[in-house]
Amino acid sequence: MHFLKGVERTAKRLVPQGWRKYFRASKYQLLMERLAPVDLVLIEGYKRDRHPKVEAHRAEPGNPLIATGDDSVRAVASDTALELDRPVFDLDDTVVIADFILTEVGLT
């Protein structure tokens, strides 16, 4: 498994020439192709792309939920109770969130 923390820094190592085009164009698929074959890639960002995702939501600063208009959001991790048509997890319950992700991708 690849766990990417600071995907931009990682991508610089993977694609040293022209790495910025991967981010400016928001073409995460190009980066995923460079990482293949892997079982799981965790990324931050690309929230408007159509890959499966878990939305992190905080009551403050009051931003609207992405999940209500995006069916690629499989679950929401929040610091406040929410009524949604998909799982909602406590933002701090990282074990439950990790278990959900592993189950979603078939790694359990």
C-alpha atoms as a PDB file:
ATOM      1  CA  MET A   1       0.000   0.000   0.000  1.00  0.00           C
ATOM      2  CA  HIS A   2       1.072   3.543  -0.649  1.00  0.00           C
ATOM      3  CA  PHE A   3       0.138   6.058   1.992  1.00  0.00           C
ATOM      4  CA  LEU A   4       0.668   9.543   0.649  1.00  0.00           C
ATOM      5  CA  LYS A   5       1.207  12.352   3.048  1.00  0.00           C
ATOM      6  CA  GLY A   6       1.902  15.492   1.149  1.00  0.00           C
ATOM      7  CA  VAL A   7       0.985  14.151  -2.271  1.00  0.00           C
ATOM      8  CA  GLU A   8       2.664  17.089  -3.964  1.00  0.00           C
ATOM      9  CA  ARG A   9       6.032  16.201  -2.411  1.00  0.00           C
ATOM     10  CA  THR A  10       5.549  12.530  -3.292  1.00  0.00           C
ATOM     11  CA  ALA A  11       4.574  13.356  -6.846  1.00  0.00           C
ATOM     12  CA  LYS A  12       7.721  15.439  -7.243  1.00  0.00           C
ATOM     13  CA  ARG A  13       9.714  12.279  -6.588  1.00  0.00           C
ATOM     14  CA  LEU A  14       7.528  10.165  -8.877  1.00  0.00           C
ATOM     15  CA  VAL A  15       7.329  12.647 -11.721  1.00  0.00           C
ATOM     16  CA  PRO A  16      10.225  15.079 -11.327  1.00  0.00           C
ATOM     17  CA  GLN A  17       9.870  16.596 -14.803  1.00  0.00           C
ATOM     18  CA  GLY A  18       6.620  18.481 -15.245  1.00  0.00           C
ATOM     19  CA  TRP A  19       5.037  17.411 -11.936  1.00  0.00           C
ATOM     20  CA  ARG A  20       3.023  20.612 -11.694  1.00  0.00           C
ATOM     21  CA  LYS A  21       0.846  19.661 -14.658  1.00  0.00           C
ATOM     22  CA  TYR A  22      -0.535  16.774 -12.608  1.00  0.00           C
ATOM     23  CA  PHE A  23      -1.903  19.186 -10.035  1.00  0.00           C
ATOM     24  CA  ARG A  24      -2.828  22.221 -12.087  1.00  0.00           C
ATOM     25  CA  ALA A  25      -4.979  20.122 -14.389  1.00  0.00           C
ATOM     26  CA  SER A  26      -6.439  18.182 -11.429  1.00  0.00           C
ATOM     27  CA  LYS A  27      -5.814  14.936 -13.275  1.00  0.00           C
ATOM     28  CA  TYR A  28      -5.404  12.581 -10.358  1.00  0.00           C
ATOM     29  CA  GLN A  29      -5.759   9.608 -12.735  1.00  0.00           C
ATOM     30  CA  LEU A  30      -2.347  10.425 -14.216  1.00  0.00           C
ATOM     31  CA  LEU A  31      -0.786  10.185 -10.775  1.00  0.00           C
ATOM     32  CA  MET A  32      -2.663   6.968 -10.017  1.00  0.00           C
ATOM     33  CA  GLU A  33      -1.274   5.424 -13.193  1.00  0.00           C
ATOM     34  CA  ARG A  34       2.243   6.257 -11.999  1.00  0.00           C
ATOM     35  CA  LEU A  35       1.570   4.563  -8.646  1.00  0.00           C
ATOM     36  CA  ALA A  36       0.033   1.368 -10.070  1.00  0.00           C
ATOM     37  CA  PRO A  37      -0.064  -1.437  -9.105  1.00  0.00           C
ATOM     38  CA  VAL A  38      -1.210  -0.710  -5.545  1.00  0.00           C
ATOM     39  CA  ASP A  39      -4.096  -1.823  -3.345  1.00  0.00           C
ATOM     40  CA  LEU A  40      -4.977   1.554  -1.880  1.00  0.00           C
ATOM     41  CA  VAL A  41      -3.989   5.182  -2.303  1.00  0.00           C
ATOM     42  CA  LEU A  42      -5.164   7.757   0.224  1.00  0.00           C
ATOM     43  CA  ILE A  43      -5.160  11.297  -1.133  1.00  0.00           C
ATOM     44  CA  GLU A  44      -6.195  14.691   0.112  1.00  0.00           C
ATOM     45  CA  GLY A  45      -7.850  17.065  -2.265  1.00  0.00           C
ATOM     46  CA  TYR A  46      -9.456  16.326  -5.609  1.00  0.00           C
ATOM     47  CA  LYS A  47     -12.800  16.706  -3.875  1.00  0.00           C
ATOM     48  CA  ARG A  48     -14.644  17.506  -7.105  1.00  0.00           C
ATOM     49  CA  ASP A  49     -13.281  14.507  -9.044  1.00  0.00           C
ATOM     50  CA  ARG A  50     -15.452  11.391  -9.385  1.00  0.00           C
ATOM     51  CA  HIS A  51     -13.445   8.868  -7.343  1.00  0.00           C
ATOM     52  CA  PRO A  52     -14.852   7.271  -4.152  1.00  0.00           C
ATOM     53  CA  LYS A  53     -14.168   9.475  -1.142  1.00  0.00           C
ATOM     54  CA  VAL A  54     -14.829  10.097   2.534  1.00  0.00           C
ATOM     55  CA  GLU A  55     -15.669  13.729   3.213  1.00  0.00           C
ATOM     56  CA  ALA A  56     -14.147  15.380   6.283  1.00  0.00           C
ATOM     57  CA  HIS A  57     -16.603  17.979   7.550  1.00  0.00           C
ATOM     58  CA  ARG A  58     -16.335  20.440  10.437  1.00  0.00           C
ATOM     59  CA  ALA A  59     -19.245  22.539  11.678  1.00  0.00           C
ATOM     60  CA  GLU A  60     -16.921  25.547  11.702  1.00  0.00           C
ATOM     61  CA  PRO A  61     -16.274  27.384   9.369  1.00  0.00           C
ATOM     62  CA  GLY A  62     -19.752  26.540   8.096  1.00  0.00           C
ATOM     63  CA  ASN A  63     -18.922  25.235   4.627  1.00  0.00           C
ATOM     64  CA  PRO A  64     -21.709  23.249   2.951  1.00  0.00           C
ATOM     65  CA  LEU A  65     -21.457  19.476   2.740  1.00  0.00           C
ATOM     66  CA  ILE A  66     -20.175  18.108  -0.548  1.00  0.00           C
ATOM     67  CA  ALA A  67     -21.942  14.777   0.084  1.00  0.00           C
ATOM     68  CA  THR A  68     -25.435  16.179  -0.447  1.00  0.00           C
ATOM     69  CA  GLY A  69     -24.675  16.810  -4.108  1.00  0.00           C
ATOM     70  CA  ASP A  70     -22.032  14.179  -4.848  1.00  0.00           C
ATOM     71  CA  ASP A  71     -22.808  10.468  -4.807  1.00  0.00           C
ATOM     72  CA  SER A  72     -19.101   9.595  -5.033  1.00  0.00           C
ATOM     73  CA  VAL A  73     -18.842  10.589  -1.346  1.00  0.00           C
ATOM     74  CA  ARG A  74     -19.253   7.186   0.319  1.00  0.00           C
ATOM     75  CA  ALA A  75     -19.282   8.482   3.910  1.00  0.00           C
ATOM     76  CA  VAL A  76     -18.784  11.627   5.977  1.00  0.00           C
ATOM     77  CA  ALA A  77     -16.527  12.086   8.982  1.00  0.00           C
ATOM     78  CA  SER A  78     -17.827  15.021  11.016  1.00  0.00           C
ATOM     79  CA  ASP A  79     -17.431  16.792  14.343  1.00  0.00           C
ATOM     80  CA  THR A  80     -21.216  17.220  14.523  1.00  0.00           C
ATOM     81  CA  ALA A  81     -24.205  14.876  14.173  1.00  0.00           C
ATOM     82  CA  LEU A  82     -25.601  14.717  10.635  1.00  0.00           C
ATOM     83  CA  GLU A  83     -28.616  13.007   9.055  1.00  0.00           C
ATOM     84  CA  LEU A  84     -27.504  11.639   5.672  1.00  0.00           C
ATOM     85  CA  ASP A  85     -28.258   8.772   3.330  1.00  0.00           C
ATOM     86  CA  ARG A  86     -24.751   7.360   3.871  1.00  0.00           C
ATOM     87  CA  PRO A  87     -22.585   6.535   6.900  1.00  0.00           C
ATOM     88  CA  VAL A  88     -21.560   9.391   9.175  1.00  0.00           C
ATOM     89  CA  PHE A  89     -18.581   8.840  11.491  1.00  0.00           C
ATOM     90  CA  ASP A  90     -17.145  10.863  14.332  1.00  0.00           C
ATOM     91  CA  LEU A  91     -14.261  12.838  12.855  1.00  0.00           C
ATOM     92  CA  ASP A  92     -11.933  11.602  15.603  1.00  0.00           C
ATOM     93  CA  ASP A  93     -12.857   7.904  15.263  1.00  0.00           C
ATOM     94  CA  THR A  94      -9.989   7.020  12.965  1.00  0.00           C
ATOM     95  CA  VAL A  95     -10.162   3.272  13.615  1.00  0.00           C
ATOM     96  CA  VAL A  96     -13.802   3.067  12.472  1.00  0.00           C
ATOM     97  CA  ILE A  97     -13.080   5.276   9.452  1.00  0.00           C
ATOM     98  CA  ALA A  98     -10.083   3.132   8.476  1.00  0.00           C
ATOM     99  CA  ASP A  99     -12.150  -0.056   8.842  1.00  0.00           C
ATOM    100  CA  PHE A 100     -14.870   1.448   6.630  1.00  0.00           C
ATOM    101  CA  ILE A 101     -12.341   2.354   3.919  1.00  0.00           C
ATOM    102  CA  LEU A 102     -10.754  -1.101   3.982  1.00  0.00           C
ATOM    103  CA  THR A 103     -14.170  -2.736   3.709  1.00  0.00           C
ATOM    104  CA  GLU A 104     -15.191  -0.423   0.840  1.00  0.00           C
ATOM    105  CA  VAL A 105     -12.136  -1.359  -1.202  1.00  0.00           C
ATOM    106  CA  GLY A 106     -12.308  -5.057  -0.326  1.00  0.00           C
ATOM    107  CA  LEU A 107      -9.172  -5.270   1.797  1.00  0.00           C
ATOM    108  CA  THR A 108     -10.741  -6.850   4.882  1.00  0.00           C
END
